[in-house]
Amino acid sequence: MTTKILCETTEKGIHSFYLFVGNEKYFLFSQAYRKGVNEFYRQGVTLDESINYAKAHYDSAIIRTMDKIPKYIEYVEKFYHIEVLRKTRKRNAQRYKLYCA
């Protein structure tokens, strides 16, 4: 199952970020338009690349966006009862072991 982060310009001066998990599309957040952020995320990047600071090339707007993404993904995971991040899968697997043992 591929997980991607995509950025679309919804209004003049506004980015909207979406999480694609398989065939499902989930809204993450909106923020002010930044050219570097648009160039990095507009064609979609994998989840690992979307939070890899080495790929930001010291662009502070991209780094701040990378800081936001995991927080909003955690919210979407709780709201829609999905597992996207590795730490969520690991935590849920440990809980399952505790209840089944």
N, C-alpha and C. Protein backbone atom coordinates (compact mmCIF):
# COMPACT_ATOMS: atom_id res chain seq x y z
N MET A 1 0.85 -1.17 0.00
CA MET A 1 0.00 0.00 0.00
C MET A 1 0.90 1.24 0.00
N THR A 2 0.76 2.08 -1.01
CA THR A 2 1.57 3.28 -1.09
C THR A 2 0.90 4.43 -0.36
N THR A 3 1.70 5.20 0.31
CA THR A 3 1.22 6.38 1.02
C THR A 3 1.95 7.59 0.47
N LYS A 4 1.19 8.56 -0.01
CA LYS A 4 1.78 9.75 -0.60
C LYS A 4 1.19 11.00 0.02
N ILE A 5 1.97 12.07 -0.03
CA ILE A 5 1.53 13.39 0.39
C ILE A 5 1.52 14.26 -0.86
N LEU A 6 0.40 14.95 -1.08
CA LEU A 6 0.25 15.78 -2.27
C LEU A 6 -0.20 17.17 -1.86
N CYS A 7 0.32 18.16 -2.56
CA CYS A 7 -0.03 19.55 -2.29
C CYS A 7 -0.75 20.10 -3.52
N GLU A 8 -1.89 20.74 -3.30
CA GLU A 8 -2.63 21.39 -4.38
C GLU A 8 -2.86 22.84 -4.00
N THR A 9 -2.77 23.74 -4.98
CA THR A 9 -3.09 25.13 -4.74
C THR A 9 -4.59 25.28 -4.91
N THR A 10 -5.30 25.51 -3.81
CA THR A 10 -6.76 25.55 -3.85
C THR A 10 -7.28 26.95 -4.11
N GLU A 11 -6.67 27.95 -3.54
CA GLU A 11 -7.04 29.33 -3.76
C GLU A 11 -5.76 30.10 -4.01
N LYS A 12 -5.90 31.35 -4.39
CA LYS A 12 -4.71 32.17 -4.58
C LYS A 12 -4.05 32.37 -3.21
N GLY A 13 -2.83 31.90 -3.10
CA GLY A 13 -2.08 32.05 -1.86
C GLY A 13 -2.31 30.98 -0.82
N ILE A 14 -3.01 29.89 -1.16
CA ILE A 14 -3.29 28.82 -0.20
C ILE A 14 -2.92 27.46 -0.78
N HIS A 15 -2.17 26.68 0.00
CA HIS A 15 -1.88 25.27 -0.31
C HIS A 15 -2.82 24.41 0.50
N SER A 16 -3.24 23.31 -0.07
CA SER A 16 -3.95 22.28 0.68
C SER A 16 -3.18 20.98 0.53
N PHE A 17 -2.95 20.32 1.65
CA PHE A 17 -2.19 19.08 1.65
C PHE A 17 -3.13 17.91 1.85
N TYR A 18 -2.89 16.84 1.10
CA TYR A 18 -3.72 15.65 1.15
C TYR A 18 -2.84 14.43 1.37
N LEU A 19 -3.41 13.45 2.06
CA LEU A 19 -2.76 12.17 2.30
C LEU A 19 -3.47 11.13 1.44
N PHE A 20 -2.73 10.43 0.60
CA PHE A 20 -3.28 9.35 -0.22
C PHE A 20 -2.80 8.03 0.34
N VAL A 21 -3.74 7.20 0.79
CA VAL A 21 -3.45 5.87 1.30
C VAL A 21 -4.23 4.90 0.43
N GLY A 22 -3.50 4.16 -0.41
CA GLY A 22 -4.19 3.28 -1.36
C GLY A 22 -5.01 4.12 -2.32
N ASN A 23 -6.32 3.92 -2.33
CA ASN A 23 -7.21 4.69 -3.20
C ASN A 23 -7.94 5.80 -2.47
N GLU A 24 -7.70 5.94 -1.18
CA GLU A 24 -8.40 6.93 -0.36
C GLU A 24 -7.61 8.24 -0.28
N LYS A 25 -8.34 9.35 -0.25
CA LYS A 25 -7.75 10.69 -0.16
C LYS A 25 -8.26 11.35 1.11
N TYR A 26 -7.32 11.79 1.97
CA TYR A 26 -7.66 12.43 3.24
C TYR A 26 -7.05 13.82 3.28
N PHE A 27 -7.84 14.81 3.67
CA PHE A 27 -7.35 16.17 3.81
C PHE A 27 -6.51 16.28 5.08
N LEU A 28 -5.32 16.90 4.97
CA LEU A 28 -4.46 17.09 6.14
C LEU A 28 -4.59 18.51 6.69
N PHE A 29 -4.17 19.50 5.91
CA PHE A 29 -4.20 20.89 6.38
C PHE A 29 -4.00 21.84 5.21
N SER A 30 -4.23 23.12 5.46
CA SER A 30 -3.97 24.19 4.51
C SER A 30 -2.98 25.15 5.12
N GLN A 31 -2.21 25.79 4.27
CA GLN A 31 -1.25 26.78 4.75
C GLN A 31 -1.01 27.81 3.66
N ALA A 32 -0.30 28.87 4.00
CA ALA A 32 0.01 29.92 3.05
C ALA A 32 0.94 29.37 1.95
N TYR A 33 0.78 29.91 0.76
CA TYR A 33 1.54 29.45 -0.40
C TYR A 33 3.01 29.80 -0.25
N ARG A 34 3.86 28.84 -0.54
CA ARG A 34 5.30 29.04 -0.63
C ARG A 34 5.78 28.31 -1.88
N LYS A 35 6.56 29.00 -2.68
CA LYS A 35 7.00 28.46 -3.95
C LYS A 35 7.80 27.16 -3.79
N GLY A 36 8.74 27.14 -2.84
CA GLY A 36 9.56 25.95 -2.62
C GLY A 36 8.73 24.75 -2.17
N VAL A 37 7.75 25.00 -1.32
CA VAL A 37 6.88 23.94 -0.84
C VAL A 37 6.06 23.39 -2.01
N ASN A 38 5.56 24.28 -2.85
CA ASN A 38 4.78 23.85 -4.00
C ASN A 38 5.61 22.99 -4.95
N GLU A 39 6.83 23.39 -5.21
CA GLU A 39 7.69 22.62 -6.11
C GLU A 39 8.03 21.25 -5.53
N PHE A 40 8.18 21.17 -4.21
CA PHE A 40 8.56 19.91 -3.58
C PHE A 40 7.39 18.92 -3.51
N TYR A 41 6.19 19.40 -3.18
CA TYR A 41 5.06 18.51 -2.91
C TYR A 41 4.02 18.42 -4.03
N ARG A 42 4.09 19.23 -5.07
CA ARG A 42 2.99 19.30 -6.03
C ARG A 42 2.75 18.02 -6.82
N GLN A 43 3.78 17.24 -7.10
CA GLN A 43 3.59 16.01 -7.86
C GLN A 43 3.41 14.80 -6.94
N GLY A 44 3.42 15.04 -5.66
CA GLY A 44 3.25 13.96 -4.70
C GLY A 44 4.59 13.32 -4.35
N VAL A 45 4.79 13.10 -3.08
CA VAL A 45 6.00 12.43 -2.60
C VAL A 45 5.58 11.34 -1.62
N THR A 46 6.41 10.34 -1.49
CA THR A 46 6.10 9.26 -0.56
C THR A 46 6.17 9.79 0.87
N LEU A 47 5.59 9.07 1.78
CA LEU A 47 5.57 9.49 3.17
C LEU A 47 6.98 9.66 3.72
N ASP A 48 7.87 8.72 3.41
CA ASP A 48 9.24 8.81 3.92
C ASP A 48 9.96 10.04 3.38
N GLU A 49 9.77 10.34 2.10
CA GLU A 49 10.40 11.52 1.51
C GLU A 49 9.78 12.81 2.04
N SER A 50 8.51 12.76 2.38
CA SER A 50 7.83 13.98 2.80
C SER A 50 8.30 14.48 4.15
N ILE A 51 8.93 13.63 4.94
CA ILE A 51 9.45 14.06 6.24
C ILE A 51 10.96 13.86 6.35
N ASN A 52 11.64 13.73 5.23
CA ASN A 52 13.09 13.56 5.19
C ASN A 52 13.74 14.94 5.07
N TYR A 53 14.32 15.43 6.16
CA TYR A 53 14.88 16.78 6.18
C TYR A 53 16.04 16.97 5.22
N ALA A 54 16.75 15.91 4.85
CA ALA A 54 17.86 16.03 3.91
C ALA A 54 17.38 16.47 2.53
N LYS A 55 16.14 16.15 2.19
CA LYS A 55 15.59 16.52 0.89
C LYS A 55 15.13 17.98 0.85
N ALA A 56 15.08 18.65 2.00
CA ALA A 56 14.58 20.03 2.06
C ALA A 56 15.61 21.04 1.55
N HIS A 57 16.87 20.67 1.49
CA HIS A 57 17.94 21.55 1.02
C HIS A 57 17.94 22.89 1.73
N TYR A 58 17.79 22.84 3.05
CA TYR A 58 17.85 24.02 3.92
C TYR A 58 16.77 25.06 3.63
N ASP A 59 15.69 24.67 2.99
CA ASP A 59 14.56 25.58 2.75
C ASP A 59 13.69 25.58 4.00
N SER A 60 13.63 26.71 4.69
CA SER A 60 12.93 26.76 5.97
C SER A 60 11.43 26.53 5.83
N ALA A 61 10.84 26.93 4.72
CA ALA A 61 9.40 26.70 4.52
C ALA A 61 9.10 25.21 4.39
N ILE A 62 9.96 24.49 3.68
CA ILE A 62 9.77 23.04 3.53
C ILE A 62 9.99 22.35 4.88
N ILE A 63 10.98 22.79 5.63
CA ILE A 63 11.27 22.19 6.93
C ILE A 63 10.10 22.38 7.89
N ARG A 64 9.51 23.58 7.91
CA ARG A 64 8.35 23.82 8.77
C ARG A 64 7.17 22.96 8.36
N THR A 65 7.00 22.76 7.05
CA THR A 65 5.93 21.90 6.56
C THR A 65 6.19 20.45 6.95
N MET A 66 7.43 20.01 6.86
CA MET A 66 7.79 18.65 7.28
C MET A 66 7.51 18.43 8.76
N ASP A 67 7.67 19.48 9.56
CA ASP A 67 7.35 19.37 10.99
C ASP A 67 5.86 19.17 11.22
N LYS A 68 5.02 19.76 10.39
CA LYS A 68 3.57 19.68 10.55
C LYS A 68 2.99 18.34 10.15
N ILE A 69 3.54 17.74 9.12
CA ILE A 69 2.93 16.56 8.50
C ILE A 69 2.68 15.41 9.48
N PRO A 70 3.65 14.96 10.29
CA PRO A 70 3.36 13.84 11.20
C PRO A 70 2.25 14.14 12.20
N LYS A 71 2.17 15.38 12.68
CA LYS A 71 1.13 15.75 13.64
C LYS A 71 -0.26 15.62 13.02
N TYR A 72 -0.40 16.10 11.80
CA TYR A 72 -1.69 16.03 11.14
C TYR A 72 -2.03 14.60 10.72
N ILE A 73 -1.03 13.81 10.37
CA ILE A 73 -1.28 12.41 10.03
C ILE A 73 -1.79 11.66 11.25
N GLU A 74 -1.23 11.94 12.42
CA GLU A 74 -1.70 11.29 13.64
C GLU A 74 -3.18 11.62 13.89
N TYR A 75 -3.56 12.85 13.63
CA TYR A 75 -4.97 13.24 13.80
C TYR A 75 -5.86 12.46 12.83
N VAL A 76 -5.45 12.37 11.57
CA VAL A 76 -6.23 11.64 10.56
C VAL A 76 -6.32 10.16 10.92
N GLU A 77 -5.24 9.60 11.44
CA GLU A 77 -5.26 8.19 11.87
C GLU A 77 -6.30 7.96 12.96
N LYS A 78 -6.36 8.84 13.91
CA LYS A 78 -7.32 8.69 15.00
C LYS A 78 -8.75 8.89 14.51
N PHE A 79 -8.94 9.89 13.66
CA PHE A 79 -10.29 10.24 13.22
C PHE A 79 -10.88 9.17 12.30
N TYR A 80 -10.08 8.64 11.37
CA TYR A 80 -10.56 7.66 10.40
C TYR A 80 -10.21 6.22 10.77
N HIS A 81 -9.54 6.00 11.88
CA HIS A 81 -9.15 4.65 12.35
C HIS A 81 -8.33 3.91 11.30
N ILE A 82 -7.27 4.57 10.83
CA ILE A 82 -6.35 3.95 9.89
C ILE A 82 -4.96 3.94 10.51
N GLU A 83 -4.07 3.14 9.96
CA GLU A 83 -2.68 3.07 10.41
C GLU A 83 -1.79 3.47 9.25
N VAL A 84 -1.06 4.57 9.41
CA VAL A 84 -0.19 5.06 8.36
C VAL A 84 1.27 5.08 8.83
N LEU A 85 1.52 5.69 9.96
CA LEU A 85 2.87 5.82 10.48
C LEU A 85 3.35 4.52 11.11
N ARG A 86 4.65 4.28 11.05
CA ARG A 86 5.22 3.06 11.62
C ARG A 86 4.98 2.99 13.12
N LYS A 87 5.12 4.12 13.80
CA LYS A 87 4.96 4.08 15.26
C LYS A 87 3.52 3.74 15.65
N THR A 88 2.55 4.12 14.84
CA THR A 88 1.17 3.77 15.12
C THR A 88 0.95 2.27 14.95
N ARG A 89 1.51 1.71 13.88
CA ARG A 89 1.39 0.26 13.68
C ARG A 89 2.03 -0.51 14.82
N LYS A 90 3.21 -0.05 15.23
CA LYS A 90 3.94 -0.72 16.30
C LYS A 90 3.17 -0.63 17.62
N ARG A 91 2.63 0.54 17.92
CA ARG A 91 1.87 0.72 19.16
C ARG A 91 0.62 -0.14 19.16
N ASN A 92 -0.09 -0.19 18.04
CA ASN A 92 -1.30 -1.00 17.96
C ASN A 92 -0.99 -2.49 18.02
N ALA A 93 0.13 -2.91 17.47
CA ALA A 93 0.52 -4.32 17.54
C ALA A 93 0.82 -4.72 18.98
N GLN A 94 1.46 -3.84 19.73
CA GLN A 94 1.75 -4.13 21.13
C GLN A 94 0.47 -4.21 21.95
N ARG A 95 -0.48 -3.32 21.68
CA ARG A 95 -1.76 -3.37 22.38
C ARG A 95 -2.50 -4.66 22.08
N TYR A 96 -2.45 -5.09 20.82
CA TYR A 96 -3.12 -6.32 20.43
C TYR A 96 -2.53 -7.51 21.15
N LYS A 97 -1.21 -7.54 21.30
CA LYS A 97 -0.55 -8.63 22.02
C LYS A 97 -0.98 -8.64 23.48
N LEU A 98 -1.11 -7.48 24.07
CA LEU A 98 -1.51 -7.41 25.49
C LEU A 98 -2.92 -7.94 25.70
N TYR A 99 -3.82 -7.61 24.79
CA TYR A 99 -5.21 -8.04 24.95
C TYR A 99 -5.42 -9.51 24.61
N CYS A 100 -4.61 -10.05 23.70
CA CYS A 100 -4.79 -11.42 23.27
C CYS A 100 -4.00 -12.42 24.10
N ALA A 101 -3.05 -11.96 24.85
CA ALA A 101 -2.20 -12.89 25.60
C ALA A 101 -2.86 -13.45 26.83
